[in-house]
PDB file of all heavy atoms in Angstrom:
ATOM      1  N   PHE A   1       0.870  -1.239   0.039  1.00  0.00           N
ATOM      2  CA  PHE A   1       0.106   0.077   0.006  1.00  0.00           C
ATOM      3  C   PHE A   1       0.878   1.307  -0.036  1.00  0.00           C
ATOM      4  O   PHE A   1       1.983   1.351   0.569  1.00  0.00           O
ATOM      5  CB  PHE A   1      -0.967  -0.014   1.224  1.00  0.00           C
ATOM      6  CG  PHE A   1      -1.820  -1.141   1.325  1.00  0.00           C
ATOM      7  CD1 PHE A   1      -1.713  -2.175   2.228  1.00  0.00           C
ATOM      8  CD2 PHE A   1      -2.997  -1.096   0.577  1.00  0.00           C
ATOM      9  CE1 PHE A   1      -2.578  -3.182   2.258  1.00  0.00           C
ATOM     10  CE2 PHE A   1      -3.873  -2.207   0.682  1.00  0.00           C
ATOM     11  CZ  PHE A   1      -3.606  -3.243   1.519  1.00  0.00           C
ATOM     12  N   TRP A   2       0.258   2.301  -0.644  1.00  0.00           N
ATOM     13  CA  TRP A   2       0.826   3.631  -0.411  1.00  0.00           C
ATOM     14  C   TRP A   2      -0.353   4.583  -0.574  1.00  0.00           C
ATOM     15  O   TRP A   2      -1.387   4.354  -1.019  1.00  0.00           O
ATOM     16  CB  TRP A   2       1.959   3.914  -1.416  1.00  0.00           C
ATOM     17  CG  TRP A   2       1.442   4.064  -2.891  1.00  0.00           C
ATOM     18  CD1 TRP A   2       1.181   5.095  -3.686  1.00  0.00           C
ATOM     19  CD2 TRP A   2       1.339   2.919  -3.734  1.00  0.00           C
ATOM     20  NE1 TRP A   2       0.872   4.783  -4.905  1.00  0.00           N
ATOM     21  CE2 TRP A   2       0.831   3.396  -4.979  1.00  0.00           C
ATOM     22  CE3 TRP A   2       1.466   1.505  -3.633  1.00  0.00           C
ATOM     23  CZ2 TRP A   2       0.644   2.572  -6.164  1.00  0.00           C
ATOM     24  CZ3 TRP A   2       1.152   0.708  -4.808  1.00  0.00           C
ATOM     25  CH2 TRP A   2       0.855   1.214  -5.978  1.00  0.00           C
ATOM     26  N   LEU A   3      -0.175   5.786   0.303  1.00  0.00           N
ATOM     27  CA  LEU A   3      -1.143   6.659   0.425  1.00  0.00           C
ATOM     28  C   LEU A   3      -1.471   7.609  -0.827  1.00  0.00           C
ATOM     29  O   LEU A   3      -0.538   7.955  -1.477  1.00  0.00           O
ATOM     30  CB  LEU A   3      -0.830   7.680   1.587  1.00  0.00           C
ATOM     31  CG  LEU A   3      -1.974   8.593   2.129  1.00  0.00           C
ATOM     32  CD1 LEU A   3      -3.149   7.628   2.770  1.00  0.00           C
ATOM     33  CD2 LEU A   3      -1.287   9.413   3.189  1.00  0.00           C
ATOM     34  N   ASN A   4      -2.804   7.779  -1.096  1.00  0.00           N
ATOM     35  CA  ASN A   4      -3.223   8.840  -2.108  1.00  0.00           C
ATOM     36  C   ASN A   4      -3.067  10.231  -1.474  1.00  0.00           C
ATOM     37  O   ASN A   4      -4.052  10.754  -0.977  1.00  0.00           O
ATOM     38  CB  ASN A   4      -4.478   8.520  -2.644  1.00  0.00           C
ATOM     39  CG  ASN A   4      -4.928   9.398  -3.756  1.00  0.00           C
ATOM     40  OD1 ASN A   4      -4.255  10.419  -4.136  1.00  0.00           O
ATOM     41  ND2 ASN A   4      -6.202   9.182  -4.248  1.00  0.00           N
ATOM     42  N   GLU A   5      -1.964  10.857  -1.508  1.00  0.00           N
ATOM     43  CA  GLU A   5      -1.632  12.087  -0.835  1.00  0.00           C
ATOM     44  C   GLU A   5      -2.556  13.177  -1.272  1.00  0.00           C
ATOM     45  O   GLU A   5      -3.060  13.960  -0.602  1.00  0.00           O
ATOM     46  CB  GLU A   5      -0.153  12.576  -1.142  1.00  0.00           C
ATOM     47  CG  GLU A   5       0.936  11.528  -0.640  1.00  0.00           C
ATOM     48  CD  GLU A   5       1.109  11.598   0.866  1.00  0.00           C
ATOM     49  OE1 GLU A   5       0.477  12.517   1.532  1.00  0.00           O
ATOM     50  OE2 GLU A   5       2.003  10.934   1.392  1.00  0.00           O
ATOM     51  N   SER A   6      -2.872  13.192  -2.478  1.00  0.00           N
ATOM     52  CA  SER A   6      -3.758  14.266  -3.116  1.00  0.00           C
ATOM     53  C   SER A   6      -5.230  14.285  -2.509  1.00  0.00           C
ATOM     54  O   SER A   6      -5.795  15.304  -2.497  1.00  0.00           O
ATOM     55  CB  SER A   6      -3.890  14.108  -4.682  1.00  0.00           C
ATOM     56  OG  SER A   6      -4.805  12.877  -4.901  1.00  0.00           O
ATOM     57  N   LEU A   7      -5.620  13.059  -2.133  1.00  0.00           N
ATOM     58  CA  LEU A   7      -6.956  13.016  -1.467  1.00  0.00           C
ATOM     59  C   LEU A   7      -6.833  13.101   0.018  1.00  0.00           C
ATOM     60  O   LEU A   7      -7.732  13.640   0.789  1.00  0.00           O
ATOM     61  CB  LEU A   7      -7.724  11.719  -1.938  1.00  0.00           C
ATOM     62  CG  LEU A   7      -9.093  11.542  -1.384  1.00  0.00           C
ATOM     63  CD1 LEU A   7     -10.025  12.818  -1.613  1.00  0.00           C
ATOM     64  CD2 LEU A   7      -9.790  10.291  -1.934  1.00  0.00           C
ATOM     65  N   ALA A   8      -5.864  12.419   0.541  1.00  0.00           N
ATOM     66  CA  ALA A   8      -5.568  12.269   2.009  1.00  0.00           C
ATOM     67  C   ALA A   8      -5.574  13.659   2.675  1.00  0.00           C
ATOM     68  O   ALA A   8      -6.212  13.870   3.827  1.00  0.00           O
ATOM     69  CB  ALA A   8      -4.425  11.534   2.301  1.00  0.00           C
ATOM     70  N   GLU A   9      -5.097  14.664   1.930  1.00  0.00           N
ATOM     71  CA  GLU A   9      -5.018  16.057   2.698  1.00  0.00           C
ATOM     72  C   GLU A   9      -6.350  16.581   2.805  1.00  0.00           C
ATOM     73  O   GLU A   9      -6.567  17.535   3.614  1.00  0.00           O
ATOM     74  CB  GLU A   9      -4.028  16.933   1.761  1.00  0.00           C
ATOM     75  CG  GLU A   9      -4.629  17.268   0.401  1.00  0.00           C
ATOM     76  CD  GLU A   9      -3.760  18.278  -0.386  1.00  0.00           C
ATOM     77  OE1 GLU A   9      -3.695  19.431   0.084  1.00  0.00           O
ATOM     78  OE2 GLU A   9      -3.038  17.884  -1.202  1.00  0.00           O
ATOM     79  N   TRP A  10      -7.418  16.176   1.974  1.00  0.00           N
ATOM     80  CA  TRP A  10      -8.717  16.737   2.186  1.00  0.00           C
ATOM     81  C   TRP A  10      -9.582  16.146   3.321  1.00  0.00           C
ATOM     82  O   TRP A  10     -10.614  16.646   3.620  1.00  0.00           O
ATOM     83  CB  TRP A  10      -9.440  16.599   0.823  1.00  0.00           C
ATOM     84  CG  TRP A  10      -8.892  17.527  -0.239  1.00  0.00           C
ATOM     85  CD1 TRP A  10      -7.848  17.264  -1.076  1.00  0.00           C
ATOM     86  CD2 TRP A  10      -9.219  18.785  -0.502  1.00  0.00           C
ATOM     87  NE1 TRP A  10      -7.661  18.313  -1.919  1.00  0.00           N
ATOM     88  CE2 TRP A  10      -8.532  19.408  -1.517  1.00  0.00           C
ATOM     89  CE3 TRP A  10     -10.232  19.717   0.093  1.00  0.00           C
ATOM     90  CZ2 TRP A  10      -8.620  20.722  -2.011  1.00  0.00           C
ATOM     91  CZ3 TRP A  10     -10.361  21.081  -0.357  1.00  0.00           C
ATOM     92  CH2 TRP A  10      -9.522  21.459  -1.330  1.00  0.00           C
ATOM     93  N   ILE A  11      -9.103  14.845   3.708  1.00  0.00           N
ATOM     94  CA  ILE A  11     -10.033  14.313   4.726  1.00  0.00           C
ATOM     95  C   ILE A  11     -10.201  15.086   6.024  1.00  0.00           C
ATOM     96  O   ILE A  11     -11.395  15.176   6.405  1.00  0.00           O
ATOM     97  CB  ILE A  11      -9.397  12.851   5.001  1.00  0.00           C
ATOM     98  CG1 ILE A  11      -9.394  11.959   3.733  1.00  0.00           C
ATOM     99  CG2 ILE A  11     -10.094  12.159   6.052  1.00  0.00           C
ATOM    100  CD1 ILE A  11     -10.697  11.725   3.077  1.00  0.00           C
ATOM    101  N   PRO A  12      -9.121  15.533   6.535  1.00  0.00           N
ATOM    102  CA  PRO A  12      -9.446  16.487   7.715  1.00  0.00           C
ATOM    103  C   PRO A  12     -10.237  17.709   7.557  1.00  0.00           C
ATOM    104  O   PRO A  12     -10.939  18.245   8.391  1.00  0.00           O
ATOM    105  CB  PRO A  12      -7.986  16.770   8.358  1.00  0.00           C
ATOM    106  CG  PRO A  12      -7.083  16.525   7.099  1.00  0.00           C
ATOM    107  CD  PRO A  12      -7.834  15.426   6.279  1.00  0.00           C
ATOM    108  N   ARG A  13     -10.238  18.214   6.331  1.00  0.00           N
ATOM    109  CA  ARG A  13     -10.974  19.358   5.808  1.00  0.00           C
ATOM    110  C   ARG A  13     -12.406  19.048   5.786  1.00  0.00           C
ATOM    111  O   ARG A  13     -13.195  19.929   6.213  1.00  0.00           O
ATOM    112  CB  ARG A  13     -10.410  19.918   4.612  1.00  0.00           C
ATOM    113  CG  ARG A  13      -8.939  20.391   4.576  1.00  0.00           C
ATOM    114  CD  ARG A  13      -8.488  20.779   3.194  1.00  0.00           C
ATOM    115  NE  ARG A  13      -7.028  21.033   3.379  1.00  0.00           N
ATOM    116  CZ  ARG A  13      -6.281  21.333   2.266  1.00  0.00           C
ATOM    117  NH1 ARG A  13      -6.878  21.381   1.089  1.00  0.00           N
ATOM    118  NH2 ARG A  13      -5.055  21.501   2.230  1.00  0.00           N
ATOM    119  N   PHE A  14     -12.721  17.838   5.309  1.00  0.00           N
ATOM    120  CA  PHE A  14     -14.066  17.500   5.259  1.00  0.00           C
ATOM    121  C   PHE A  14     -14.565  17.311   6.624  1.00  0.00           C
ATOM    122  O   PHE A  14     -15.718  17.527   7.095  1.00  0.00           O
ATOM    123  CB  PHE A  14     -14.315  16.298   4.505  1.00  0.00           C
ATOM    124  CG  PHE A  14     -14.238  16.473   2.985  1.00  0.00           C
ATOM    125  CD1 PHE A  14     -13.307  15.642   2.206  1.00  0.00           C
ATOM    126  CD2 PHE A  14     -14.901  17.410   2.343  1.00  0.00           C
ATOM    127  CE1 PHE A  14     -13.185  15.809   0.880  1.00  0.00           C
ATOM    128  CE2 PHE A  14     -14.819  17.601   0.927  1.00  0.00           C
ATOM    129  CZ  PHE A  14     -13.881  16.756   0.211  1.00  0.00           C
ATOM    130  N   LYS A  15     -13.719  16.735   7.531  1.00  0.00           N
ATOM    131  CA  LYS A  15     -14.202  16.496   8.922  1.00  0.00           C
ATOM    132  C   LYS A  15     -14.407  17.744   9.625  1.00  0.00           C
ATOM    133  O   LYS A  15     -15.312  17.866  10.413  1.00  0.00           O
ATOM    134  CB  LYS A  15     -13.013  15.630   9.599  1.00  0.00           C
ATOM    135  CG  LYS A  15     -13.167  15.320  11.148  1.00  0.00           C
ATOM    136  CD  LYS A  15     -14.306  14.285  11.229  1.00  0.00           C
ATOM    137  CE  LYS A  15     -14.401  13.785  12.638  1.00  0.00           C
ATOM    138  NZ  LYS A  15     -15.558  12.748  12.627  1.00  0.00           N
ATOM    139  N   SER A  16     -13.625  18.821   9.335  1.00  0.00           N
ATOM    140  CA  SER A  16     -13.758  20.018  10.012  1.00  0.00           C
ATOM    141  C   SER A  16     -15.101  20.747   9.575  1.00  0.00           C
ATOM    142  O   SER A  16     -15.509  21.662  10.317  1.00  0.00           O
ATOM    143  CB  SER A  16     -12.538  20.982   9.662  1.00  0.00           C
ATOM    144  OG  SER A  16     -12.627  21.425   8.365  1.00  0.00           O
ATOM    145  N   ARG A  17     -15.643  20.299   8.499  1.00  0.00           N
ATOM    146  CA  ARG A  17     -16.895  20.883   8.059  1.00  0.00           C
ATOM    147  C   ARG A  17     -18.068  20.092   8.559  1.00  0.00           C
ATOM    148  O   ARG A  17     -19.192  20.507   8.438  1.00  0.00           O
ATOM    149  CB  ARG A  17     -17.033  20.769   6.562  1.00  0.00           C
ATOM    150  CG  ARG A  17     -16.158  21.757   5.765  1.00  0.00           C
ATOM    151  CD  ARG A  17     -16.598  23.179   6.164  1.00  0.00           C
ATOM    152  NE  ARG A  17     -15.823  24.228   5.369  1.00  0.00           N
ATOM    153  CZ  ARG A  17     -14.721  24.805   5.463  1.00  0.00           C
ATOM    154  NH1 ARG A  17     -13.856  24.302   6.521  1.00  0.00           N
ATOM    155  NH2 ARG A  17     -14.173  25.694   4.663  1.00  0.00           N
ATOM    156  N   GLY A  18     -17.803  19.056   9.490  1.00  0.00           N
ATOM    157  CA  GLY A  18     -18.920  18.410  10.264  1.00  0.00           C
ATOM    158  C   GLY A  18     -19.481  17.182   9.614  1.00  0.00           C
ATOM    159  O   GLY A  18     -20.481  16.718  10.011  1.00  0.00           O
ATOM    160  N   TYR A  19     -18.846  16.801   8.341  1.00  0.00           N
ATOM    161  CA  TYR A  19     -19.416  15.724   7.694  1.00  0.00           C
ATOM    162  C   TYR A  19     -19.026  14.378   8.532  1.00  0.00           C
ATOM    163  O   TYR A  19     -17.928  14.287   8.947  1.00  0.00           O
ATOM    164  CB  TYR A  19     -18.780  15.512   6.220  1.00  0.00           C
ATOM    165  CG  TYR A  19     -19.384  16.566   5.336  1.00  0.00           C
ATOM    166  CD1 TYR A  19     -18.489  17.611   5.081  1.00  0.00           C
ATOM    167  CD2 TYR A  19     -20.633  16.471   4.870  1.00  0.00           C
ATOM    168  CE1 TYR A  19     -19.143  18.663   4.376  1.00  0.00           C
ATOM    169  CE2 TYR A  19     -21.182  17.529   4.066  1.00  0.00           C
ATOM    170  CZ  TYR A  19     -20.380  18.560   3.716  1.00  0.00           C
ATOM    171  OH  TYR A  19     -20.977  19.606   2.917  1.00  0.00           O
ATOM    172  N   SER A  20     -19.914  13.459   8.445  1.00  0.00           N
ATOM    173  CA  SER A  20     -19.625  12.043   9.062  1.00  0.00           C
ATOM    174  C   SER A  20     -18.849  11.324   7.967  1.00  0.00           C
ATOM    175  O   SER A  20     -19.194  11.278   6.802  1.00  0.00           O
ATOM    176  CB  SER A  20     -20.938  11.265   9.298  1.00  0.00           C
ATOM    177  OG  SER A  20     -20.640  10.007   9.616  1.00  0.00           O
ATOM    178  N   LEU A  21     -17.661  10.777   8.374  1.00  0.00           N
ATOM    179  CA  LEU A  21     -16.729  10.143   7.467  1.00  0.00           C
ATOM    180  C   LEU A  21     -16.768   8.632   7.667  1.00  0.00           C
ATOM    181  O   LEU A  21     -16.448   8.187   8.809  1.00  0.00           O
ATOM    182  CB  LEU A  21     -15.292  10.741   7.594  1.00  0.00           C
ATOM    183  CG  LEU A  21     -15.237  12.241   7.219  1.00  0.00           C
ATOM    184  CD1 LEU A  21     -13.761  12.538   7.430  1.00  0.00           C
ATOM    185  CD2 LEU A  21     -15.624  12.440   5.902  1.00  0.00           C
ATOM    186  N   VAL A  22     -17.017   7.852   6.655  1.00  0.00           N
ATOM    187  CA  VAL A  22     -17.085   6.486   6.733  1.00  0.00           C
ATOM    188  C   VAL A  22     -16.195   5.874   5.809  1.00  0.00           C
ATOM    189  O   VAL A  22     -16.168   6.339   4.645  1.00  0.00           O
ATOM    190  CB  VAL A  22     -18.528   5.853   6.628  1.00  0.00           C
ATOM    191  CG1 VAL A  22     -18.431   4.391   6.674  1.00  0.00           C
ATOM    192  CG2 VAL A  22     -19.497   6.432   7.684  1.00  0.00           C
ATOM    193  N   LEU A  23     -15.341   4.909   6.181  1.00  0.00           N
ATOM    194  CA  LEU A  23     -14.543   4.100   5.217  1.00  0.00           C
ATOM    195  C   LEU A  23     -15.287   2.847   4.791  1.00  0.00           C
ATOM    196  O   LEU A  23     -15.679   2.174   5.800  1.00  0.00           O
ATOM    197  CB  LEU A  23     -13.136   3.828   5.796  1.00  0.00           C
ATOM    198  CG  LEU A  23     -12.066   3.235   4.935  1.00  0.00           C
ATOM    199  CD1 LEU A  23     -11.615   4.328   4.028  1.00  0.00           C
ATOM    200  CD2 LEU A  23     -10.971   2.613   5.609  1.00  0.00           C
ATOM    201  N   GLY A  24     -15.450   2.587   3.523  1.00  0.00           N
ATOM    202  CA  GLY A  24     -16.288   1.233   3.159  1.00  0.00           C
ATOM    203  C   GLY A  24     -15.280   0.485   2.213  1.00  0.00           C
ATOM    204  O   GLY A  24     -15.246   0.809   1.032  1.00  0.00           O
ATOM    205  N   SER A  25     -14.762  -0.615   2.651  1.00  0.00           N
ATOM    206  CA  SER A  25     -13.785  -1.304   1.892  1.00  0.00           C
ATOM    207  C   SER A  25     -13.991  -2.705   1.871  1.00  0.00           C
ATOM    208  O   SER A  25     -14.325  -3.484   2.880  1.00  0.00           O
ATOM    209  CB  SER A  25     -12.391  -0.974   2.580  1.00  0.00           C
ATOM    210  OG  SER A  25     -11.419  -1.699   1.903  1.00  0.00           O
ATOM    211  N   ASN A  26     -13.813  -3.379   0.575  1.00  0.00           N
ATOM    212  CA  ASN A  26     -13.617  -4.792   0.415  1.00  0.00           C
ATOM    213  C   ASN A  26     -12.301  -5.212   0.813  1.00  0.00           C
ATOM    214  O   ASN A  26     -11.322  -4.746   0.062  1.00  0.00           O
ATOM    215  CB  ASN A  26     -13.877  -5.235  -1.000  1.00  0.00           C
ATOM    216  CG  ASN A  26     -15.400  -5.184  -1.365  1.00  0.00           C
ATOM    217  OD1 ASN A  26     -16.297  -5.181  -0.510  1.00  0.00           O
ATOM    218  ND2 ASN A  26     -15.676  -5.316  -2.621  1.00  0.00           N
ATOM    219  N   THR A  27     -12.024  -5.759   1.838  1.00  0.00           N
ATOM    220  CA  THR A  27     -10.606  -5.983   2.328  1.00  0.00           C
ATOM    221  C   THR A  27     -10.701  -7.261   3.219  1.00  0.00           C
ATOM    222  O   THR A  27     -11.735  -7.678   3.597  1.00  0.00           O
ATOM    223  CB  THR A  27     -10.082  -4.783   3.027  1.00  0.00           C
ATOM    224  OG1 THR A  27      -8.664  -4.959   3.275  1.00  0.00           O
ATOM    225  CG2 THR A  27     -10.835  -4.469   4.365  1.00  0.00           C
ATOM    226  N   ASN A  28      -9.553  -7.633   3.745  1.00  0.00           N
ATOM    227  CA  ASN A  28      -9.334  -8.732   4.597  1.00  0.00           C
ATOM    228  C   ASN A  28      -8.697  -8.248   5.926  1.00  0.00           C
ATOM    229  O   ASN A  28      -8.202  -7.051   6.029  1.00  0.00           O
ATOM    230  CB  ASN A  28      -8.528  -9.877   4.081  1.00  0.00           C
ATOM    231  CG  ASN A  28      -7.214  -9.383   3.525  1.00  0.00           C
ATOM    232  OD1 ASN A  28      -6.208  -9.218   4.298  1.00  0.00           O
ATOM    233  ND2 ASN A  28      -7.123  -9.135   2.182  1.00  0.00           N
ATOM    234  N   ILE A  29      -8.799  -8.985   6.986  1.00  0.00           N
ATOM    235  CA  ILE A  29      -8.260  -8.593   8.265  1.00  0.00           C
ATOM    236  C   ILE A  29      -6.847  -8.258   8.195  1.00  0.00           C
ATOM    237  O   ILE A  29      -6.370  -7.353   8.950  1.00  0.00           O
ATOM    238  CB  ILE A  29      -8.663  -9.509   9.317  1.00  0.00           C
ATOM    239  CG1 ILE A  29      -8.431  -8.971  10.663  1.00  0.00           C
ATOM    240  CG2 ILE A  29      -7.831 -10.984   9.232  1.00  0.00           C
ATOM    241  CD1 ILE A  29      -9.036  -9.755  11.875  1.00  0.00           C
ATOM    242  N   LEU A  30      -5.934  -8.877   7.511  1.00  0.00           N
ATOM    243  CA  LEU A  30      -4.577  -8.635   7.492  1.00  0.00           C
ATOM    244  C   LEU A  30      -4.308  -7.292   6.886  1.00  0.00           C
ATOM    245  O   LEU A  30      -3.545  -6.408   7.401  1.00  0.00           O
ATOM    246  CB  LEU A  30      -3.781  -9.767   6.729  1.00  0.00           C
ATOM    247  CG  LEU A  30      -3.664 -11.108   7.433  1.00  0.00           C
ATOM    248  CD1 LEU A  30      -2.975 -12.069   6.413  1.00  0.00           C
ATOM    249  CD2 LEU A  30      -3.038 -11.110   8.734  1.00  0.00           C
ATOM    250  N   HIS A  31      -4.978  -7.050   5.735  1.00  0.00           N
ATOM    251  CA  HIS A  31      -4.817  -5.704   5.077  1.00  0.00           C
ATOM    252  C   HIS A  31      -5.410  -4.567   5.793  1.00  0.00           C
ATOM    253  O   HIS A  31      -4.733  -3.440   6.138  1.00  0.00           O
ATOM    254  CB  HIS A  31      -5.372  -5.756   3.708  1.00  0.00           C
ATOM    255  CG  HIS A  31      -4.660  -6.433   2.722  1.00  0.00           C
ATOM    256  ND1 HIS A  31      -5.040  -6.882   1.437  1.00  0.00           N
ATOM    257  CD2 HIS A  31      -3.292  -6.786   2.638  1.00  0.00           C
ATOM    258  CE1 HIS A  31      -4.129  -7.373   0.751  1.00  0.00           C
ATOM    259  NE2 HIS A  31      -3.029  -7.405   1.469  1.00  0.00           N
ATOM    260  N   SER A  32      -6.607  -4.729   6.435  1.00  0.00           N
ATOM    261  CA  SER A  32      -7.113  -3.620   7.185  1.00  0.00           C
ATOM    262  C   SER A  32      -6.376  -3.351   8.436  1.00  0.00           C
ATOM    263  O   SER A  32      -6.304  -2.104   8.798  1.00  0.00           O
ATOM    264  CB  SER A  32      -8.702  -3.858   7.390  1.00  0.00           C
ATOM    265  OG  SER A  32      -8.848  -4.983   8.248  1.00  0.00           O
ATOM    266  N   ASP A  33      -5.983  -4.278   9.098  1.00  0.00           N
ATOM    267  CA  ASP A  33      -5.244  -4.072  10.414  1.00  0.00           C
ATOM    268  C   ASP A  33      -3.901  -3.317  10.037  1.00  0.00           C
ATOM    269  O   ASP A  33      -3.578  -2.458  10.873  1.00  0.00           O
ATOM    270  CB  ASP A  33      -4.994  -5.344  11.047  1.00  0.00           C
ATOM    271  CG  ASP A  33      -6.102  -5.876  11.947  1.00  0.00           C
ATOM    272  OD1 ASP A  33      -7.220  -5.237  11.903  1.00  0.00           O
ATOM    273  OD2 ASP A  33      -5.835  -7.027  12.415  1.00  0.00           O
ATOM    274  N   HIS A  34      -3.465  -3.632   8.919  1.00  0.00           N
ATOM    275  CA  HIS A  34      -2.035  -3.025   8.521  1.00  0.00           C
ATOM    276  C   HIS A  34      -2.199  -1.673   8.147  1.00  0.00           C
ATOM    277  O   HIS A  34      -1.603  -0.808   8.532  1.00  0.00           O
ATOM    278  CB  HIS A  34      -1.380  -3.864   7.460  1.00  0.00           C
ATOM    279  CG  HIS A  34      -0.090  -3.182   6.902  1.00  0.00           C
ATOM    280  ND1 HIS A  34       1.048  -3.457   7.719  1.00  0.00           N
ATOM    281  CD2 HIS A  34       0.165  -2.547   5.894  1.00  0.00           C
ATOM    282  CE1 HIS A  34       2.118  -2.833   7.031  1.00  0.00           C
ATOM    283  NE2 HIS A  34       1.490  -2.161   5.950  1.00  0.00           N
ATOM    284  N   TYR A  35      -3.206  -1.394   7.206  1.00  0.00           N
ATOM    285  CA  TYR A  35      -3.170  -0.009   6.603  1.00  0.00           C
ATOM    286  C   TYR A  35      -3.991   0.969   7.668  1.00  0.00           C
ATOM    287  O   TYR A  35      -3.702   2.073   7.656  1.00  0.00           O
ATOM    288  CB  TYR A  35      -3.922   0.069   5.253  1.00  0.00           C
ATOM    289  CG  TYR A  35      -5.255  -0.281   5.011  1.00  0.00           C
ATOM    290  CD1 TYR A  35      -6.329   0.303   5.528  1.00  0.00           C
ATOM    291  CD2 TYR A  35      -5.622  -1.319   4.054  1.00  0.00           C
ATOM    292  CE1 TYR A  35      -7.575   0.007   5.346  1.00  0.00           C
ATOM    293  CE2 TYR A  35      -6.896  -1.680   3.753  1.00  0.00           C
ATOM    294  CZ  TYR A  35      -7.980  -0.995   4.442  1.00  0.00           C
ATOM    295  OH  TYR A  35      -9.239  -1.318   4.095  1.00  0.00           O
ATOM    296  N   ARG A  36      -4.652   0.482   8.522  1.00  0.00           N
ATOM    297  CA  ARG A  36      -5.123   1.332   9.666  1.00  0.00           C
ATOM    298  C   ARG A  36      -3.991   1.890  10.487  1.00  0.00           C
ATOM    299  O   ARG A  36      -4.020   3.103  10.930  1.00  0.00           O
ATOM    300  CB  ARG A  36      -6.116   0.582  10.568  1.00  0.00           C
ATOM    301  CG  ARG A  36      -7.497   0.345  10.035  1.00  0.00           C
ATOM    302  CD  ARG A  36      -8.369  -0.348  10.919  1.00  0.00           C
ATOM    303  NE  ARG A  36      -8.924   0.596  12.062  1.00  0.00           N
ATOM    304  CZ  ARG A  36      -9.803   0.279  12.877  1.00  0.00           C
ATOM    305  NH1 ARG A  36     -10.350  -0.988  12.843  1.00  0.00           N
ATOM    306  NH2 ARG A  36     -10.132   1.103  13.756  1.00  0.00           N
TER     307      ARG A  36
END
C-alpha cells in the first residue's frame, strides 16, 4: 500500500466541516489491520 496524498489532505478538511466520514472497503483482516 501507499497513500493517495492528493486526497488524504482533504479528509481532515471534510471532517472540520462536520461531515460524518465512513470508510467502506472490500478487504481482509490482514490488510485492514495493517493500513489502519
